[in-house]
Amino acid sequence: MLVILWTKENKYYAYSKENHWTDNIQAAGKFNTLEAAQKYAKNGLKDKLHELQYLTLDGKEVSEDPIPTLTKEEAEAAYEELRQAVEIFGKAAEKIPAITKYYATIQSEQDRLQEDLLHKFEFTSPGNIIFVKLGRMLKACRIKRREAKDRLGYMIAIGDAKGKNILAAHNNHNHLIETRNYNPRVMPELFN
């Protein structure tokens, strides 16, 4: 929320018919966006436009132009950097279906291997040395499966995202991976 400050008088614009200006920022008229406040000021306060500031409710000034001004050289360098990045991304994006298929295949193979290992556990006598070997194989299988599943999830998120949402999908997926925590379904004591 934003308010309009008349800097010459150090007063805030208020909607009140009796008094259009107030000393109390909380009693000031509030605007949802800078654009809305500026539009209102241009229509209703045009005689004071050069004496107005736009502030947040905690009194911080809001820049009239949040977009930086670039020199010709900066603009041309930024344009070229963006153009190259889009070209690289475009070429990589063409591979999304093939990469997705690859990791889906790896995950499926590891799912089947995991089932084979679990059945071998089921039908092998306890105390047999093969238990240790099967345990190591199961752990390796689970690690490879998790990696494939994570990458598959990333490819699906990026493939489904559009425009600016690609960066959000990328950041959300990375946050999910970084903060992952397994919640046991049956035996929480195994994870204490």
Protein backbone atom coordinates (compact mmCIF):
# COMPACT_ATOMS: atom_id res chain seq x y z
CA MET A 1 0.00 0.00 0.00
CA LEU A 2 1.19 3.48 -0.90
CA VAL A 3 0.36 7.02 0.18
CA ILE A 4 0.98 10.42 -1.43
CA LEU A 5 3.10 12.96 0.47
CA TRP A 6 2.93 16.69 -0.34
CA THR A 7 6.55 17.53 0.41
CA LYS A 8 6.07 21.33 0.59
CA GLU A 9 3.63 21.00 3.50
CA ASN A 10 4.80 17.57 4.76
CA LYS A 11 1.21 16.29 4.68
CA TYR A 12 -0.39 13.16 3.28
CA TYR A 13 -3.27 13.11 0.85
CA ALA A 14 -6.54 11.97 2.45
CA TYR A 15 -9.87 11.13 0.83
CA SER A 16 -11.80 13.20 3.37
CA LYS A 17 -14.09 15.90 1.88
CA GLU A 18 -13.53 18.18 4.87
CA ASN A 19 -9.72 18.05 4.72
CA HIS A 20 -7.78 16.71 1.77
CA TRP A 21 -4.48 16.62 3.70
CA THR A 22 -3.48 15.01 7.00
CA ASP A 23 -0.41 14.83 9.23
CA ASN A 24 -1.15 11.17 10.03
CA ILE A 25 0.16 8.63 7.50
CA GLN A 26 -2.34 6.05 8.79
CA ALA A 27 -5.24 8.41 7.95
CA ALA A 28 -3.92 9.00 4.43
CA GLY A 29 -5.58 7.66 1.32
CA LYS A 30 -4.04 4.34 0.32
CA PHE A 31 -3.24 3.06 -3.15
CA ASN A 32 -2.43 -0.51 -4.15
CA THR A 33 0.17 0.38 -6.76
CA LEU A 34 2.51 3.21 -7.67
CA GLU A 35 0.73 3.46 -11.02
CA ALA A 36 -2.65 3.96 -9.30
CA ALA A 37 -1.24 6.67 -6.99
CA GLN A 38 0.43 8.47 -9.90
CA LYS A 39 -2.72 8.29 -12.03
CA TYR A 40 -4.81 9.73 -9.20
CA ALA A 41 -2.25 12.50 -8.61
CA LYS A 42 -2.19 13.44 -12.31
CA ASN A 43 -5.98 13.81 -12.31
CA GLY A 44 -6.75 15.21 -8.86
CA LEU A 45 -3.55 16.88 -7.71
CA LYS A 46 -2.05 18.12 -10.97
CA ASP A 47 -1.22 21.57 -9.55
CA LYS A 48 1.12 19.89 -7.01
CA LEU A 49 2.66 17.09 -9.15
CA HIS A 50 6.21 18.42 -8.83
CA GLU A 51 5.85 18.54 -5.02
CA LEU A 52 4.61 14.97 -4.46
CA GLN A 53 6.35 11.82 -3.27
CA TYR A 54 4.97 8.30 -3.08
CA LEU A 55 5.68 6.42 0.14
CA THR A 56 5.03 3.01 1.63
CA LEU A 57 3.06 2.94 4.89
CA ASP A 58 6.33 2.76 6.83
CA GLY A 59 7.45 6.02 5.21
CA LYS A 60 9.92 4.68 2.65
CA GLU A 61 10.02 6.47 -0.68
CA VAL A 62 8.99 4.49 -3.73
CA SER A 63 11.03 5.16 -6.83
CA GLU A 64 9.04 6.69 -9.65
CA ASP A 65 10.94 4.54 -12.12
CA PRO A 66 11.84 1.09 -10.78
CA ILE A 67 13.42 0.20 -14.13
CA PRO A 68 17.06 1.31 -14.31
CA THR A 69 18.20 3.65 -17.06
CA LEU A 70 20.93 2.15 -19.22
CA THR A 71 23.53 3.77 -21.39
CA LYS A 72 23.59 2.79 -25.05
CA GLU A 73 26.60 0.52 -24.39
CA GLU A 74 24.93 -1.12 -21.37
CA ALA A 75 21.69 -1.67 -23.31
CA GLU A 76 23.52 -3.19 -26.28
CA ALA A 77 25.60 -5.48 -24.02
CA ALA A 78 22.50 -6.56 -22.08
CA TYR A 79 20.61 -7.16 -25.32
CA GLU A 80 23.41 -9.34 -26.71
CA GLU A 81 23.70 -11.27 -23.41
CA LEU A 82 19.95 -11.91 -23.36
CA ARG A 83 19.87 -12.90 -27.04
CA GLN A 84 22.66 -15.44 -26.52
CA ALA A 85 21.03 -16.84 -23.37
CA VAL A 86 17.70 -17.27 -25.15
CA GLU A 87 19.42 -19.01 -28.07
CA ILE A 88 21.22 -21.41 -25.71
CA PHE A 89 18.02 -22.04 -23.75
CA GLY A 90 16.05 -22.61 -26.96
CA LYS A 91 18.49 -25.27 -28.12
CA ALA A 92 18.43 -26.94 -24.70
CA ALA A 93 14.61 -26.76 -24.53
CA GLU A 94 14.36 -28.77 -27.75
CA LYS A 95 15.97 -31.65 -25.84
CA ILE A 96 13.46 -31.61 -22.95
CA PRO A 97 11.30 -34.47 -24.34
CA ALA A 98 14.34 -36.71 -24.96
CA ILE A 99 15.86 -35.95 -21.54
CA THR A 100 12.47 -36.57 -19.89
CA LYS A 101 12.16 -39.92 -21.67
CA TYR A 102 15.71 -40.90 -20.63
CA TYR A 103 15.16 -40.22 -16.91
CA ALA A 104 11.70 -41.86 -16.98
CA THR A 105 13.37 -44.98 -18.41
CA ILE A 106 16.11 -44.94 -15.74
CA GLN A 107 13.53 -44.54 -12.97
CA SER A 108 11.45 -47.41 -14.37
CA GLU A 109 14.52 -49.67 -14.63
CA GLN A 110 15.48 -48.88 -11.04
CA ASP A 111 11.91 -49.55 -9.87
CA ARG A 112 12.08 -53.00 -11.47
CA LEU A 113 15.57 -53.67 -10.04
CA GLN A 114 14.33 -52.62 -6.59
CA GLU A 115 11.46 -55.12 -6.84
CA ASP A 116 13.90 -57.87 -7.87
CA LEU A 117 16.14 -57.10 -4.89
CA LEU A 118 13.23 -57.01 -2.45
CA HIS A 119 11.97 -60.37 -3.74
CA LYS A 120 15.46 -61.81 -3.36
CA PHE A 121 15.44 -60.60 0.27
CA GLU A 122 12.04 -62.20 0.73
CA PHE A 123 13.14 -65.62 -0.53
CA THR A 124 16.69 -65.72 0.96
CA SER A 125 17.36 -67.27 4.37
CA PRO A 126 18.30 -64.81 7.17
CA GLY A 127 21.94 -64.74 8.16
CA ASN A 128 23.08 -65.49 4.66
CA ILE A 129 26.06 -63.34 3.56
CA ILE A 130 24.05 -62.36 0.50
CA PHE A 131 21.94 -60.08 2.79
CA VAL A 132 24.84 -57.60 3.03
CA LYS A 133 25.43 -57.69 -0.71
CA LEU A 134 21.70 -57.24 -1.40
CA GLY A 135 21.57 -54.32 1.05
CA ARG A 136 24.42 -52.54 -0.76
CA MET A 137 22.79 -53.19 -4.12
CA LEU A 138 19.43 -51.91 -2.83
CA LYS A 139 21.05 -48.72 -1.51
CA ALA A 140 22.81 -48.09 -4.85
CA CYS A 141 19.53 -48.75 -6.67
CA ARG A 142 17.63 -46.30 -4.44
CA ILE A 143 20.27 -43.58 -4.94
CA LYS A 144 20.22 -43.98 -8.72
CA ARG A 145 16.40 -44.04 -8.70
CA ARG A 146 16.20 -40.88 -6.55
CA GLU A 147 18.57 -39.04 -8.88
CA ALA A 148 16.54 -40.08 -11.93
CA LYS A 149 13.26 -39.18 -10.21
CA ASP A 150 14.58 -35.73 -9.18
CA ARG A 151 15.84 -35.00 -12.68
CA LEU A 152 12.62 -36.27 -14.22
CA GLY A 153 10.64 -33.98 -11.89
CA TYR A 154 12.81 -31.05 -12.92
CA MET A 155 12.36 -31.77 -16.63
CA ILE A 156 8.58 -32.03 -16.22
CA ALA A 157 8.44 -28.75 -14.24
CA ILE A 158 10.55 -26.90 -16.81
CA GLY A 159 8.69 -28.47 -19.72
CA ASP A 160 5.32 -27.40 -18.28
CA ALA A 161 6.44 -23.85 -17.39
CA LYS A 162 5.93 -20.90 -19.71
CA GLY A 163 7.83 -17.59 -19.98
CA LYS A 164 8.82 -16.09 -16.63
CA ASN A 165 7.48 -19.18 -14.87
CA ILE A 166 10.49 -21.20 -16.05
CA LEU A 167 12.75 -19.47 -13.53
CA ALA A 168 10.13 -19.94 -10.80
CA ALA A 169 9.85 -23.66 -11.69
CA HIS A 170 13.65 -23.96 -11.57
CA ASN A 171 13.87 -22.23 -8.17
CA ASN A 172 10.91 -24.16 -6.71
CA HIS A 173 12.36 -27.50 -7.78
CA ASN A 174 15.78 -26.65 -6.32
CA HIS A 175 14.16 -25.58 -3.05
CA LEU A 176 12.20 -28.84 -2.94
CA ILE A 177 15.42 -30.86 -3.39
CA GLU A 178 17.35 -28.81 -0.81
CA THR A 179 14.65 -29.06 1.84
CA ARG A 180 13.55 -32.65 1.21
CA ASN A 181 12.76 -34.62 4.33
CA TYR A 182 11.37 -38.14 4.42
CA ASN A 183 8.43 -38.74 6.74
CA PRO A 184 8.20 -42.45 7.62
CA ARG A 185 4.82 -44.02 6.97
CA VAL A 186 5.00 -46.94 9.38
CA MET A 187 8.24 -47.05 11.42
CA PRO A 188 9.40 -43.59 12.51
CA GLU A 189 11.79 -45.23 15.00
CA LEU A 190 13.97 -46.29 12.08
CA PHE A 191 14.79 -42.63 11.43
CA ASN A 192 15.53 -41.44 14.99
